[in-house]
């Protein structure tokens, strides 16, 4: 009888420990840091396919999207906060808020954004960029040699971008005027990114949809092998990207 009581007590203690651990995890994920996986090459070279990042949920304040299951019990941000131009952020896709996207903030409310012959213009001014040579992008499977540039956004935020072409709609757009309470997003892999340039797919992103800025790459693995080939994992970890700051 004593052994049965002891066993029951141990089980209850174990359940309490699991419950407390789950509660702590939910609190951290909701209010502090949430992990995300990078599945596409739209942000190469800043983020690679197979990167795992932490997003700082507290940086711009909280919205109903910050909470599990996104309960619609309030609107706006508490406390109010605004991403800065050049921040890499994770946001909920406006047309389908069950989908998370990661892009860079290019346009703020009231800005005029345009791309002409592959060159970004913000409020009518051509954004300065410096040619850094060639880059081999293998995010789509087959390696492609593209041009790499350092782009210097207004406000002093510089970052790397890739360019493959200066032709086509994505490189020759109309002028986009960012509405109040919205942001204009673009991927750093400019010719391999579905972003705000396509209004009926991504378009202008409400500030409320932004979950937070990407802060750090906590793990990264080259996914050229199927996930089930576990024996390859130790050789495919990108050790040089671990704990790498996202800029």
Protein backbone atom coordinates (compact mmCIF):
# COMPACT_ATOMS: atom_id res chain seq x y z
CA UNK A 1 0.00 0.00 0.00
CA UNK A 2 2.83 2.38 0.92
CA UNK A 3 4.60 1.60 -2.37
CA UNK A 4 1.41 2.38 -4.34
CA UNK A 5 1.04 5.75 -2.57
CA UNK A 6 4.69 6.53 -3.24
CA UNK A 7 4.27 5.62 -6.93
CA UNK A 8 1.16 7.83 -7.21
CA UNK A 9 2.96 10.71 -5.53
CA UNK A 10 5.94 10.35 -7.91
CA UNK A 11 3.59 10.37 -10.91
CA UNK A 12 1.86 13.53 -9.67
CA UNK A 13 5.23 15.22 -9.13
CA UNK A 14 6.32 14.27 -12.64
CA UNK A 15 3.10 15.63 -14.14
CA UNK A 16 3.55 18.88 -12.22
CA UNK A 17 7.13 19.19 -13.52
CA UNK A 18 5.94 18.65 -17.11
CA UNK A 19 3.12 21.16 -16.65
CA UNK A 20 5.46 23.80 -15.19
CA UNK A 21 7.98 23.25 -18.00
CA UNK A 22 5.25 23.58 -20.64
CA UNK A 23 3.95 26.76 -18.99
CA UNK A 24 7.43 28.29 -18.90
CA UNK A 25 7.95 27.37 -22.58
CA UNK A 26 4.64 29.02 -23.55
CA UNK A 27 5.51 32.19 -21.61
CA UNK A 28 8.97 32.42 -23.22
CA UNK A 29 7.57 31.73 -26.70
CA UNK A 30 4.75 34.25 -26.29
CA UNK A 31 6.49 37.16 -24.60
CA UNK A 32 10.21 36.81 -25.30
CA UNK A 33 11.64 34.63 -28.07
CA UNK A 34 9.98 32.37 -30.64
CA UNK A 35 11.95 30.04 -32.95
CA UNK A 36 11.34 29.97 -36.70
CA UNK A 37 12.72 27.84 -39.52
CA UNK A 38 13.81 29.31 -42.89
CA UNK A 39 12.38 27.10 -45.69
CA UNK A 40 13.12 29.22 -48.77
CA UNK A 41 15.91 31.26 -50.34
CA UNK A 42 14.12 34.62 -50.52
CA UNK A 43 16.42 36.15 -47.87
CA UNK A 44 19.75 34.76 -49.15
CA UNK A 45 22.50 35.75 -48.38
CA UNK A 46 21.27 37.09 -45.02
CA UNK A 47 19.30 33.93 -44.17
CA UNK A 48 19.90 30.54 -45.77
CA UNK A 49 17.55 27.62 -46.26
CA UNK A 50 17.99 25.51 -43.13
CA UNK A 51 18.63 28.41 -40.73
CA UNK A 52 16.76 28.44 -37.42
CA UNK A 53 16.24 31.90 -35.98
CA UNK A 54 14.94 33.48 -32.80
CA UNK A 55 12.45 36.33 -33.12
CA UNK A 56 12.27 38.90 -30.30
CA UNK A 57 8.53 39.06 -29.58
CA UNK A 58 8.84 42.03 -27.20
CA UNK A 59 10.74 44.38 -29.52
CA UNK A 60 7.80 46.26 -31.05
CA UNK A 61 5.13 45.44 -28.48
CA UNK A 62 2.50 42.69 -28.66
CA UNK A 63 -0.49 42.11 -30.92
CA UNK A 64 -3.11 39.37 -30.84
CA UNK A 65 -0.85 37.50 -33.30
CA UNK A 66 1.76 37.27 -30.53
CA UNK A 67 -0.37 34.79 -28.60
CA UNK A 68 -1.00 31.08 -29.27
CA UNK A 69 -3.89 30.60 -31.73
CA UNK A 70 -3.99 34.40 -32.30
CA UNK A 71 -7.15 35.13 -30.27
CA UNK A 72 -8.74 38.30 -31.63
CA UNK A 73 -9.37 40.01 -28.28
CA UNK A 74 -7.66 43.34 -29.01
CA UNK A 75 -6.25 45.30 -31.94
CA UNK A 76 -3.07 47.28 -32.46
CA UNK A 77 0.20 46.89 -30.55
CA UNK A 78 0.63 47.02 -26.77
CA UNK A 79 2.81 48.92 -26.06
CA UNK A 80 2.86 50.69 -29.42
CA UNK A 81 6.03 50.05 -31.43
CA UNK A 82 7.24 50.43 -35.00
CA UNK A 83 9.84 48.44 -36.94
CA UNK A 84 12.71 50.41 -38.38
CA UNK A 85 13.62 50.52 -42.04
CA UNK A 86 16.10 47.73 -42.68
CA UNK A 87 14.90 45.40 -39.91
CA UNK A 88 14.51 41.73 -40.83
CA UNK A 89 11.12 40.73 -39.44
CA UNK A 90 8.76 37.77 -39.28
CA UNK A 91 5.13 38.63 -40.05
CA UNK A 92 1.78 37.01 -40.72
CA UNK A 93 0.85 37.03 -44.40
CA UNK A 94 -2.09 39.46 -44.80
CA UNK A 95 -4.10 37.23 -47.15
CA UNK A 96 -3.57 34.13 -44.97
CA UNK A 97 -2.60 34.87 -41.38
CA UNK A 98 -1.80 31.21 -40.71
CA UNK A 99 1.36 31.66 -42.83
CA UNK A 100 4.57 33.26 -41.52
CA UNK A 101 6.91 35.17 -43.83
CA UNK A 102 10.34 36.66 -43.18
CA UNK A 103 11.44 39.75 -45.14
CA UNK A 104 13.25 43.05 -44.71
CA UNK A 105 11.37 46.29 -43.99
CA UNK A 106 11.99 48.63 -46.94
CA UNK A 107 9.10 51.08 -46.76
CA UNK A 108 7.48 52.81 -43.77
CA UNK A 109 4.02 54.42 -43.70
CA UNK A 110 3.84 57.27 -46.23
CA UNK A 111 6.95 56.20 -48.17
CA UNK A 112 7.04 55.91 -51.95
CA UNK A 113 8.83 52.74 -53.09
CA UNK A 114 9.78 51.80 -56.63
CA UNK A 115 12.19 49.50 -58.46
CA UNK A 116 13.52 50.68 -61.83
CA UNK A 117 15.91 48.55 -63.88
CA UNK A 118 16.61 46.53 -60.74
CA UNK A 119 17.52 49.63 -58.73
CA UNK A 120 15.59 50.43 -55.55
CA UNK A 121 14.23 53.95 -55.07
CA UNK A 122 12.88 55.24 -51.75
CA UNK A 123 10.91 58.49 -51.90
CA UNK A 124 12.29 59.19 -55.36
CA UNK A 125 15.94 58.80 -54.36
CA UNK A 126 18.05 55.97 -55.72
CA UNK A 127 19.36 53.80 -52.90
CA UNK A 128 23.15 53.57 -52.99
CA UNK A 129 24.69 50.15 -53.45
CA UNK A 130 28.22 48.82 -53.87
CA UNK A 131 29.16 45.88 -56.07
CA UNK A 132 30.68 43.05 -53.99
CA UNK A 133 31.30 40.64 -56.88
CA UNK A 134 29.67 37.29 -57.59
CA UNK A 135 27.74 34.97 -55.29
CA UNK A 136 26.75 31.35 -55.94
CA UNK A 137 23.14 30.85 -54.86
CA UNK A 138 22.11 27.18 -54.51
CA UNK A 139 18.90 27.80 -52.54
CA UNK A 140 16.72 26.60 -55.45
CA UNK A 141 18.67 23.38 -55.96
CA UNK A 142 20.88 24.20 -58.94
CA UNK A 143 23.75 26.64 -58.23
CA UNK A 144 23.29 30.01 -59.95
CA UNK A 145 25.96 32.71 -60.11
CA UNK A 146 24.43 36.10 -59.31
CA UNK A 147 25.71 39.54 -58.37
CA UNK A 148 26.07 40.55 -54.73
CA UNK A 149 25.72 44.14 -53.58
CA UNK A 150 25.89 46.04 -50.31
CA UNK A 151 22.79 48.22 -50.25
CA UNK A 152 22.73 51.33 -48.04
CA UNK A 153 19.15 52.13 -47.04
CA UNK A 154 18.10 55.64 -45.93
CA UNK A 155 18.93 56.00 -42.26
CA UNK A 156 22.30 54.25 -42.57
CA UNK A 157 21.21 50.60 -42.57
CA UNK A 158 23.42 48.64 -44.97
CA UNK A 159 22.94 44.99 -45.86
CA UNK A 160 23.68 42.46 -48.57
CA UNK A 161 21.38 41.76 -51.51
CA UNK A 162 21.56 39.48 -54.55
CA UNK A 163 20.68 40.45 -58.12
CA UNK A 164 20.29 38.12 -61.07
CA UNK A 165 18.62 40.43 -63.57
CA UNK A 166 17.33 43.96 -64.16
CA UNK A 167 14.44 42.86 -66.37
CA UNK A 168 10.84 41.89 -65.75
CA UNK A 169 8.08 43.27 -63.54
CA UNK A 170 9.85 42.73 -60.20
CA UNK A 171 12.70 44.92 -61.43
CA UNK A 172 10.48 47.55 -63.06
CA UNK A 173 7.55 48.34 -60.81
CA UNK A 174 5.06 51.17 -60.39
CA UNK A 175 5.42 53.57 -57.48
CA UNK A 176 4.01 52.04 -54.29
CA UNK A 177 2.74 54.49 -51.67
CA UNK A 178 2.74 52.73 -48.32
CA UNK A 179 -0.57 53.27 -46.48
CA UNK A 180 -0.78 54.42 -42.87
CA UNK A 181 -0.25 51.57 -40.42
CA UNK A 182 1.44 49.39 -43.04
CA UNK A 183 4.94 48.38 -44.16
CA UNK A 184 6.55 47.49 -47.48
CA UNK A 185 8.64 44.28 -47.39
CA UNK A 186 11.26 42.90 -49.77
CA UNK A 187 13.52 39.87 -49.74
CA UNK A 188 17.29 40.29 -49.95
CA UNK A 189 17.37 37.76 -52.80
CA UNK A 190 15.64 40.34 -54.95
CA UNK A 191 14.91 38.19 -58.02
CA UNK A 192 13.82 35.17 -55.98
CA UNK A 193 11.41 36.74 -53.50
CA UNK A 194 7.63 36.95 -53.41
CA UNK A 195 7.09 40.15 -51.43
CA UNK A 196 5.23 43.46 -51.26
CA UNK A 197 5.93 44.16 -54.92
CA UNK A 198 3.13 41.67 -55.66
CA UNK A 199 0.10 43.47 -54.22
CA UNK A 200 -2.44 40.66 -54.69
CA UNK A 201 -0.23 38.10 -52.92
CA UNK A 202 1.81 39.82 -50.18
CA UNK A 203 1.24 43.53 -50.70
CA UNK A 204 1.35 46.06 -47.90
CA UNK A 205 1.76 44.41 -44.50
CA UNK A 206 -0.15 45.80 -41.50
CA UNK A 207 2.18 46.72 -38.65
CA UNK A 208 -0.11 44.61 -36.46
CA UNK A 209 0.91 41.48 -38.42
CA UNK A 210 4.60 41.80 -37.48
CA UNK A 211 5.64 39.29 -34.81
CA UNK A 212 9.09 40.78 -34.22
CA UNK A 213 12.62 41.15 -35.59
CA UNK A 214 14.88 38.21 -36.35
CA UNK A 215 17.74 38.51 -33.87
CA UNK A 216 20.02 35.49 -34.01
CA UNK A 217 20.61 32.26 -35.93
CA UNK A 218 20.72 29.60 -33.21
CA UNK A 219 21.10 26.60 -35.54
CA UNK A 220 21.74 26.00 -39.24
CA UNK A 221 21.92 22.90 -41.38
CA UNK A 222 22.41 22.34 -45.11
CA UNK A 223 19.26 20.56 -46.26
CA UNK A 224 20.57 19.08 -49.51
CA UNK A 225 20.07 15.64 -47.94
CA UNK A 226 16.61 14.28 -47.02
CA UNK A 227 15.71 14.92 -43.38
CA UNK A 228 15.60 11.18 -42.64
CA UNK A 229 19.29 10.68 -43.50
CA UNK A 230 20.20 11.38 -39.89
CA UNK A 231 23.73 10.06 -40.33
CA UNK A 232 24.51 13.03 -42.60
CA UNK A 233 23.39 15.70 -40.11
CA UNK A 234 26.68 16.14 -38.19
CA UNK A 235 28.47 16.82 -41.49
CA UNK A 236 25.87 19.27 -42.78
CA UNK A 237 25.63 21.57 -39.75
CA UNK A 238 26.85 25.06 -40.68
CA UNK A 239 28.94 25.62 -37.56
CA UNK A 240 30.07 29.08 -38.71
CA UNK A 241 26.46 30.33 -38.68
CA UNK A 242 25.58 29.24 -35.14
CA UNK A 243 24.82 32.21 -32.86
CA UNK A 244 25.24 34.51 -35.86
CA UNK A 245 23.52 37.89 -35.46
CA UNK A 246 20.91 38.73 -38.13
CA UNK A 247 21.61 42.14 -39.64
